[in-house]
Amino acid sequence: MRTLRLSRWLATALILLPSAICAQNRTVRTSAELHLRIQPTPSTHRKVVAVVWLEPLGATPVLPFTPQGHYTLLQKNRTFIPHLQVVPVGSVVQFPNADPFFHNVFSLFDGKRFDLGLYEAGATKSVTFSRAGVSYIFCNIHPEMSAVVISISTPLYAIADAGDTLTIRNIPPGDYSMRLWVEGALPPSLQGLSREIKVSPGMNDLGTTTVPIATTATHTNKFGGAYDRQPTSTY
């Protein structure tokens, strides 16, 4: 009797095993990963600040990417912390002032345009990033302060690591518009780096992309003029 039961168990296992293997293979085949390395030119010893994201095209699945509470861009020691933040479209970003003097946060460029005005130590103001785009953020009093908020509608993004490599995992295979942002690259260069790609199951290595970086970067105040660099400000 025990021999008969064992034979039936082995027969059932042999029938189910191919199905289990096929199911496992299906899981592997539907998992995609993308790798991209940034090479700035001229070369620099500093870590590359870059973001890549994928926007689905056609019948490619659209994954949800919704805000999770409020995000924070802290002002402390005349610095925005963090310098770079990627948030879902519709996110509220708070700008607390942890310095013992005034700040005036503004962004008047292609992303979210806003001017929070002058506000004192300990105060907090917020901005809703209601549309997709790259927002370059500055302080109208302290020209050394800068930050970037990138608002996107897809969770398929990556920030460059210490090796200047960007890796996106768990990508549904399909057709995408690949968008790339690199700090210091001029808008025409960034537009040229965007392209349509087909992501296949498994690992997709896009190799190394050379990005021209501006050697000097300056910005105006919120009125479009030069900053007053005289050390007479009490802010």
C-alpha atoms as a PDB file:
ATOM      1  CA  MET A   1       0.000   0.000   0.000  1.00  0.00           C
ATOM      2  CA  ARG A   2       2.823   2.412   0.893  1.00  0.00           C
ATOM      3  CA  THR A   3       4.543   1.578  -2.412  1.00  0.00           C
ATOM      4  CA  LEU A   4       1.316   2.342  -4.301  1.00  0.00           C
ATOM      5  CA  ARG A   5       0.896   5.712  -2.535  1.00  0.00           C
ATOM      6  CA  LEU A   6       4.510   6.638  -3.261  1.00  0.00           C
ATOM      7  CA  SER A   7       4.081   5.792  -6.921  1.00  0.00           C
ATOM      8  CA  ARG A   8       0.956   7.972  -7.141  1.00  0.00           C
ATOM      9  CA  TRP A   9       2.797  10.862  -5.425  1.00  0.00           C
ATOM     10  CA  LEU A  10       5.728  10.608  -7.834  1.00  0.00           C
ATOM     11  CA  ALA A  11       3.372  10.550 -10.810  1.00  0.00           C
ATOM     12  CA  THR A  12       1.581  13.677  -9.585  1.00  0.00           C
ATOM     13  CA  ALA A  13       4.871  15.470  -8.926  1.00  0.00           C
ATOM     14  CA  LEU A  14       6.125  14.669 -12.428  1.00  0.00           C
ATOM     15  CA  ILE A  15       2.924  16.108 -13.883  1.00  0.00           C
ATOM     16  CA  LEU A  16       3.084  19.327 -11.834  1.00  0.00           C
ATOM     17  CA  LEU A  17       6.839  19.906 -12.205  1.00  0.00           C
ATOM     18  CA  PRO A  18       6.754  21.213 -15.806  1.00  0.00           C
ATOM     19  CA  SER A  19       3.967  23.621 -14.869  1.00  0.00           C
ATOM     20  CA  ALA A  20       5.993  24.919 -11.924  1.00  0.00           C
ATOM     21  CA  ILE A  21       9.058  25.367 -14.140  1.00  0.00           C
ATOM     22  CA  CYS A  22       7.003  27.223 -16.754  1.00  0.00           C
ATOM     23  CA  ALA A  23       5.506  29.496 -14.097  1.00  0.00           C
ATOM     24  CA  GLN A  24       8.981  30.237 -12.771  1.00  0.00           C
ATOM     25  CA  ASN A  25      10.257  30.999 -16.262  1.00  0.00           C
ATOM     26  CA  ARG A  26       7.311  33.310 -16.872  1.00  0.00           C
ATOM     27  CA  THR A  27       8.259  35.244 -13.736  1.00  0.00           C
ATOM     28  CA  VAL A  28      11.843  35.604 -14.929  1.00  0.00           C
ATOM     29  CA  ARG A  29      10.807  36.620 -18.421  1.00  0.00           C
ATOM     30  CA  THR A  30       8.566  39.416 -17.192  1.00  0.00           C
ATOM     31  CA  SER A  31      11.268  41.018 -15.053  1.00  0.00           C
ATOM     32  CA  ALA A  32      13.346  43.660 -16.838  1.00  0.00           C
ATOM     33  CA  GLU A  33      16.256  45.777 -15.674  1.00  0.00           C
ATOM     34  CA  LEU A  34      17.958  48.743 -17.308  1.00  0.00           C
ATOM     35  CA  HIS A  35      21.526  49.980 -16.826  1.00  0.00           C
ATOM     36  CA  LEU A  36      23.029  53.243 -18.069  1.00  0.00           C
ATOM     37  CA  ARG A  37      26.339  54.900 -17.236  1.00  0.00           C
ATOM     38  CA  ILE A  38      27.012  58.651 -17.545  1.00  0.00           C
ATOM     39  CA  GLN A  39      30.366  59.969 -18.716  1.00  0.00           C
ATOM     40  CA  PRO A  40      30.591  63.773 -18.321  1.00  0.00           C
ATOM     41  CA  THR A  41      32.742  65.770 -20.671  1.00  0.00           C
ATOM     42  CA  PRO A  42      34.999  67.440 -19.786  1.00  0.00           C
ATOM     43  CA  SER A  43      35.712  64.765 -17.202  1.00  0.00           C
ATOM     44  CA  THR A  44      35.268  65.669 -13.552  1.00  0.00           C
ATOM     45  CA  HIS A  45      36.214  64.017 -10.287  1.00  0.00           C
ATOM     46  CA  ARG A  46      32.883  64.954  -8.764  1.00  0.00           C
ATOM     47  CA  LYS A  47      29.979  62.546  -8.543  1.00  0.00           C
ATOM     48  CA  VAL A  48      27.552  62.928 -11.416  1.00  0.00           C
ATOM     49  CA  VAL A  49      24.109  64.156 -10.386  1.00  0.00           C
ATOM     50  CA  ALA A  50      21.711  62.536 -12.834  1.00  0.00           C
ATOM     51  CA  VAL A  51      18.251  60.994 -13.092  1.00  0.00           C
ATOM     52  CA  VAL A  52      16.767  58.702 -15.735  1.00  0.00           C
ATOM     53  CA  TRP A  53      13.081  57.801 -15.997  1.00  0.00           C
ATOM     54  CA  LEU A  54      10.857  55.823 -18.354  1.00  0.00           C
ATOM     55  CA  GLU A  55       7.480  56.972 -19.660  1.00  0.00           C
ATOM     56  CA  PRO A  56       5.411  54.094 -21.120  1.00  0.00           C
ATOM     57  CA  LEU A  57       4.251  54.261 -24.735  1.00  0.00           C
ATOM     58  CA  GLY A  58       1.376  52.549 -26.526  1.00  0.00           C
ATOM     59  CA  ALA A  59       0.131  49.373 -24.834  1.00  0.00           C
ATOM     60  CA  THR A  60       2.967  49.252 -22.287  1.00  0.00           C
ATOM     61  CA  PRO A  61       1.531  49.043 -18.747  1.00  0.00           C
ATOM     62  CA  VAL A  62       1.339  52.293 -16.788  1.00  0.00           C
ATOM     63  CA  LEU A  63       2.383  51.805 -13.171  1.00  0.00           C
ATOM     64  CA  PRO A  64       0.890  54.042 -10.458  1.00  0.00           C
ATOM     65  CA  PHE A  65       3.103  56.675  -8.853  1.00  0.00           C
ATOM     66  CA  THR A  66       1.253  58.717  -6.264  1.00  0.00           C
ATOM     67  CA  PRO A  67       2.477  61.086  -3.519  1.00  0.00           C
ATOM     68  CA  GLN A  68       3.132  59.536  -0.111  1.00  0.00           C
ATOM     69  CA  GLY A  69       2.608  62.370   2.361  1.00  0.00           C
ATOM     70  CA  HIS A  70       4.634  65.576   2.249  1.00  0.00           C
ATOM     71  CA  TYR A  71       8.223  65.895   1.065  1.00  0.00           C
ATOM     72  CA  THR A  72      10.790  68.257   2.580  1.00  0.00           C
ATOM     73  CA  LEU A  73      13.519  70.488   1.164  1.00  0.00           C
ATOM     74  CA  LEU A  74      15.257  71.868   4.238  1.00  0.00           C
ATOM     75  CA  GLN A  75      17.138  75.174   4.291  1.00  0.00           C
ATOM     76  CA  LYS A  76      20.075  74.933   6.685  1.00  0.00           C
ATOM     77  CA  ASN A  77      23.577  76.449   6.686  1.00  0.00           C
ATOM     78  CA  ARG A  78      22.651  78.275   3.466  1.00  0.00           C
ATOM     79  CA  THR A  79      22.100  74.910   1.768  1.00  0.00           C
ATOM     80  CA  PHE A  80      19.073  73.034   0.459  1.00  0.00           C
ATOM     81  CA  ILE A  81      18.901  69.504   1.877  1.00  0.00           C
ATOM     82  CA  PRO A  82      18.646  67.330  -0.145  1.00  0.00           C
ATOM     83  CA  HIS A  83      20.095  68.982  -3.237  1.00  0.00           C
ATOM     84  CA  LEU A  84      18.092  66.692  -5.550  1.00  0.00           C
ATOM     85  CA  GLN A  85      14.617  65.301  -4.982  1.00  0.00           C
ATOM     86  CA  VAL A  86      12.421  63.186  -7.288  1.00  0.00           C
ATOM     87  CA  VAL A  87       8.702  63.311  -6.445  1.00  0.00           C
ATOM     88  CA  PRO A  88       5.429  62.138  -8.013  1.00  0.00           C
ATOM     89  CA  VAL A  89       3.359  64.746  -9.835  1.00  0.00           C
ATOM     90  CA  GLY A  90       0.973  66.330  -7.346  1.00  0.00           C
ATOM     91  CA  SER A  91       3.390  66.145  -4.419  1.00  0.00           C
ATOM     92  CA  VAL A  92       3.532  68.832  -1.742  1.00  0.00           C
ATOM     93  CA  VAL A  93       7.097  69.844  -0.877  1.00  0.00           C
ATOM     94  CA  GLN A  94       7.702  71.781   2.316  1.00  0.00           C
ATOM     95  CA  PHE A  95      10.471  74.371   2.570  1.00  0.00           C
ATOM     96  CA  PRO A  96      11.290  74.880   6.272  1.00  0.00           C
ATOM     97  CA  ASN A  97      13.805  77.585   7.183  1.00  0.00           C
ATOM     98  CA  ALA A  98      16.205  76.177   9.808  1.00  0.00           C
ATOM     99  CA  ASP A  99      18.689  79.060   9.487  1.00  0.00           C
ATOM    100  CA  PRO A 100      18.772  82.002  11.926  1.00  0.00           C
ATOM    101  CA  PHE A 101      18.060  84.440   9.086  1.00  0.00           C
ATOM    102  CA  PHE A 102      15.644  85.071   6.217  1.00  0.00           C
ATOM    103  CA  HIS A 103      15.353  83.110   2.967  1.00  0.00           C
ATOM    104  CA  ASN A 104      13.383  83.686  -0.238  1.00  0.00           C
ATOM    105  CA  VAL A 105      12.888  80.458  -2.198  1.00  0.00           C
ATOM    106  CA  PHE A 106      11.896  80.748  -5.848  1.00  0.00           C
ATOM    107  CA  SER A 107      11.839  78.887  -9.149  1.00  0.00           C
ATOM    108  CA  LEU A 108      11.108  80.668 -12.408  1.00  0.00           C
ATOM    109  CA  PHE A 109      12.105  78.085 -14.959  1.00  0.00           C
ATOM    110  CA  ASP A 110      10.606  75.215 -16.994  1.00  0.00           C
ATOM    111  CA  GLY A 111       9.186  73.204 -14.092  1.00  0.00           C
ATOM    112  CA  LYS A 112       6.989  74.590 -11.344  1.00  0.00           C
ATOM    113  CA  ARG A 113       7.165  78.405 -11.220  1.00  0.00           C
ATOM    114  CA  PHE A 114       6.803  79.947  -7.756  1.00  0.00           C
ATOM    115  CA  ASP A 115       8.113  82.619  -5.409  1.00  0.00           C
ATOM    116  CA  LEU A 116       7.666  82.034  -1.681  1.00  0.00           C
ATOM    117  CA  GLY A 117       8.739  85.535  -0.736  1.00  0.00           C
ATOM    118  CA  LEU A 118      10.803  86.514   2.275  1.00  0.00           C
ATOM    119  CA  TYR A 119      10.257  84.375   5.367  1.00  0.00           C
ATOM    120  CA  GLU A 120      12.008  84.132   8.705  1.00  0.00           C
ATOM    121  CA  ALA A 121      13.833  81.509  10.741  1.00  0.00           C
ATOM    122  CA  GLY A 122      11.580  78.711  11.965  1.00  0.00           C
ATOM    123  CA  ALA A 123       8.904  79.344   9.339  1.00  0.00           C
ATOM    124  CA  THR A 124       7.785  76.807   6.728  1.00  0.00           C
ATOM    125  CA  LYS A 125       6.167  77.278   3.347  1.00  0.00           C
ATOM    126  CA  SER A 126       5.078  74.659   0.827  1.00  0.00           C
ATOM    127  CA  VAL A 127       4.610  74.188  -2.901  1.00  0.00           C
ATOM    128  CA  THR A 128       2.472  71.673  -4.815  1.00  0.00           C
ATOM    129  CA  PHE A 129       4.330  70.341  -7.859  1.00  0.00           C
ATOM    130  CA  SER A 130       1.231  69.893  -9.974  1.00  0.00           C
ATOM    131  CA  ARG A 131       2.876  69.204 -13.313  1.00  0.00           C
ATOM    132  CA  ALA A 132       5.725  67.091 -14.618  1.00  0.00           C
ATOM    133  CA  GLY A 133       9.025  68.864 -15.119  1.00  0.00           C
ATOM    134  CA  VAL A 134      12.410  69.869 -13.740  1.00  0.00           C
ATOM    135  CA  SER A 135      12.340  72.760 -11.274  1.00  0.00           C
ATOM    136  CA  TYR A 136      15.583  74.618 -10.561  1.00  0.00           C
ATOM    137  CA  ILE A 137      15.252  76.185  -7.131  1.00  0.00           C
ATOM    138  CA  PHE A 138      17.243  79.084  -5.671  1.00  0.00           C
ATOM    139  CA  CYS A 139      17.224  81.611  -2.855  1.00  0.00           C
ATOM    140  CA  ASN A 140      16.878  85.243  -3.856  1.00  0.00           C
ATOM    141  CA  ILE A 141      19.203  86.307  -1.019  1.00  0.00           C
ATOM    142  CA  HIS A 142      21.946  83.678  -1.105  1.00  0.00           C
ATOM    143  CA  PRO A 143      23.244  82.894  -4.636  1.00  0.00           C
ATOM    144  CA  GLU A 144      25.181  79.839  -3.425  1.00  0.00           C
ATOM    145  CA  MET A 145      21.937  78.008  -2.609  1.00  0.00           C
ATOM    146  CA  SER A 146      20.484  75.729  -5.273  1.00  0.00           C
ATOM    147  CA  ALA A 147      18.369  72.594  -5.510  1.00  0.00           C
ATOM    148  CA  VAL A 148      16.479  70.570  -8.109  1.00  0.00           C
ATOM    149  CA  VAL A 149      13.040  68.981  -7.807  1.00  0.00           C
ATOM    150  CA  ILE A 150      12.032  66.619 -10.611  1.00  0.00           C
ATOM    151  CA  SER A 151       8.330  65.779 -10.639  1.00  0.00           C
ATOM    152  CA  ILE A 152       7.394  62.758 -12.755  1.00  0.00           C
ATOM    153  CA  SER A 153       4.379  60.483 -13.274  1.00  0.00           C
ATOM    154  CA  THR A 154       6.217  57.155 -13.319  1.00  0.00           C
ATOM    155  CA  PRO A 155       7.874  55.079 -10.578  1.00  0.00           C
ATOM    156  CA  LEU A 156      10.388  53.773 -13.125  1.00  0.00           C
ATOM    157  CA  TYR A 157      13.314  56.056 -12.377  1.00  0.00           C
ATOM    158  CA  ALA A 158      16.821  55.938 -10.958  1.00  0.00           C
ATOM    159  CA  ILE A 159      19.325  58.395  -9.499  1.00  0.00           C
ATOM    160  CA  ALA A 160      23.003  57.977 -10.382  1.00  0.00           C
ATOM    161  CA  ASP A 161      25.019  56.061  -7.801  1.00  0.00           C
ATOM    162  CA  ALA A 162      28.625  56.658  -6.693  1.00  0.00           C
ATOM    163  CA  GLY A 163      29.864  55.001  -9.883  1.00  0.00           C
ATOM    164  CA  ASP A 164      27.821  57.342 -12.123  1.00  0.00           C
ATOM    165  CA  THR A 165      25.551  54.407 -13.039  1.00  0.00           C
ATOM    166  CA  LEU A 166      21.748  54.469 -13.181  1.00  0.00           C
ATOM    167  CA  THR A 167      19.805  51.245 -12.670  1.00  0.00           C
ATOM    168  CA  ILE A 168      16.032  50.782 -12.968  1.00  0.00           C
ATOM    169  CA  ARG A 169      14.628  47.429 -11.829  1.00  0.00           C
ATOM    170  CA  ASN A 170      11.256  45.657 -12.093  1.00  0.00           C
ATOM    171  CA  ILE A 171      10.355  47.189 -15.444  1.00  0.00           C
ATOM    172  CA  PRO A 172       7.401  45.759 -17.381  1.00  0.00           C
ATOM    173  CA  PRO A 173       8.834  44.939 -20.843  1.00  0.00           C
ATOM    174  CA  GLY A 174       7.579  47.246 -23.555  1.00  0.00           C
ATOM    175  CA  ASP A 175       8.114  50.546 -25.343  1.00  0.00           C
ATOM    176  CA  TYR A 176       9.202  53.636 -23.431  1.00  0.00           C
ATOM    177  CA  SER A 177      10.300  57.204 -23.847  1.00  0.00           C
ATOM    178  CA  MET A 178      13.550  57.451 -21.891  1.00  0.00           C
ATOM    179  CA  ARG A 179      14.167  60.827 -20.279  1.00  0.00           C
ATOM    180  CA  LEU A 180      17.532  61.802 -18.857  1.00  0.00           C
ATOM    181  CA  TRP A 181      18.533  64.765 -16.700  1.00  0.00           C
ATOM    182  CA  VAL A 182      22.159  65.521 -15.793  1.00  0.00           C
ATOM    183  CA  GLU A 183      23.139  68.489 -13.652  1.00  0.00           C
ATOM    184  CA  GLY A 184      25.247  70.948 -15.617  1.00  0.00           C
ATOM    185  CA  ALA A 185      24.045  69.772 -19.021  1.00  0.00           C
ATOM    186  CA  LEU A 186      22.426  72.448 -21.151  1.00  0.00           C
ATOM    187  CA  PRO A 187      18.783  71.973 -22.275  1.00  0.00           C
ATOM    188  CA  PRO A 188      19.642  71.228 -25.951  1.00  0.00           C
ATOM    189  CA  SER A 189      21.971  68.432 -24.814  1.00  0.00           C
ATOM    190  CA  LEU A 190      19.333  66.939 -22.546  1.00  0.00           C
ATOM    191  CA  GLN A 191      16.730  67.015 -25.288  1.00  0.00           C
ATOM    192  CA  GLY A 192      19.137  65.140 -27.542  1.00  0.00           C
ATOM    193  CA  LEU A 193      19.606  62.432 -24.913  1.00  0.00           C
ATOM    194  CA  SER A 194      15.882  61.626 -24.708  1.00  0.00           C
ATOM    195  CA  ARG A 195      14.862  58.780 -26.989  1.00  0.00           C
ATOM    196  CA  GLU A 196      12.409  55.934 -27.459  1.00  0.00           C
ATOM    197  CA  ILE A 197      13.616  52.506 -26.389  1.00  0.00           C
ATOM    198  CA  LYS A 198      12.266  48.957 -26.260  1.00  0.00           C
ATOM    199  CA  VAL A 199      12.855  47.234 -22.942  1.00  0.00           C
ATOM    200  CA  SER A 200      13.181  43.469 -23.309  1.00  0.00           C
ATOM    201  CA  PRO A 201      12.869  40.862 -20.549  1.00  0.00           C
ATOM    202  CA  GLY A 202      16.079  40.425 -18.577  1.00  0.00           C
ATOM    203  CA  MET A 203      18.947  42.901 -18.329  1.00  0.00           C
ATOM    204  CA  ASN A 204      19.106  45.823 -20.768  1.00  0.00           C
ATOM    205  CA  ASP A 205      22.529  47.484 -20.818  1.00  0.00           C
ATOM    206  CA  LEU A 206      22.497  50.825 -22.659  1.00  0.00           C
ATOM    207  CA  GLY A 207      26.234  51.269 -22.214  1.00  0.00           C
ATOM    208  CA  THR A 208      27.864  54.629 -21.545  1.00  0.00           C
ATOM    209  CA  THR A 209      26.344  57.948 -22.570  1.00  0.00           C
ATOM    210  CA  THR A 210      28.669  60.936 -22.917  1.00  0.00           C
ATOM    211  CA  VAL A 211      27.094  64.160 -21.688  1.00  0.00           C
ATOM    212  CA  PRO A 212      28.648  67.602 -22.270  1.00  0.00           C
ATOM    213  CA  ILE A 213      28.704  69.624 -19.048  1.00  0.00           C
ATOM    214  CA  ALA A 214      28.910  73.416 -18.861  1.00  0.00           C
ATOM    215  CA  THR A 215      32.155  74.425 -17.149  1.00  0.00           C
ATOM    216  CA  THR A 216      30.549  77.452 -15.485  1.00  0.00           C
ATOM    217  CA  ALA A 217      27.014  77.790 -14.191  1.00  0.00           C
ATOM    218  CA  THR A 218      25.472  81.045 -13.059  1.00  0.00           C
ATOM    219  CA  HIS A 219      21.932  82.179 -12.412  1.00  0.00           C
ATOM    220  CA  THR A 220      20.177  85.469 -11.873  1.00  0.00           C
ATOM    221  CA  ASN A 221      18.001  86.542  -8.980  1.00  0.00           C
ATOM    222  CA  LYS A 222      14.217  86.359  -9.256  1.00  0.00           C
ATOM    223  CA  PHE A 223      14.122  89.747 -10.987  1.00  0.00           C
ATOM    224  CA  GLY A 224      16.475  88.590 -13.735  1.00  0.00           C
ATOM    225  CA  GLY A 225      19.397  90.643 -12.464  1.00  0.00           C
ATOM    226  CA  ALA A 226      22.713  89.967 -10.782  1.00  0.00           C
ATOM    227  CA  TYR A 227      22.968  89.226  -7.073  1.00  0.00           C
ATOM    228  CA  ASP A 228      24.235  91.910  -4.723  1.00  0.00           C
ATOM    229  CA  ARG A 229      27.432  90.295  -3.475  1.00  0.00           C
ATOM    230  CA  GLN A 230      28.316  93.068  -1.085  1.00  0.00           C
ATOM    231  CA  PRO A 231      28.769  91.669   2.473  1.00  0.00           C
ATOM    232  CA  THR A 232      26.349  94.211   3.902  1.00  0.00           C
ATOM    233  CA  SER A 233      23.198  92.054   3.994  1.00  0.00           C
ATOM    234  CA  THR A 234      21.772  91.341   7.430  1.00  0.00           C
ATOM    235  CA  TYR A 235      19.879  88.255   6.118  1.00  0.00           C
END
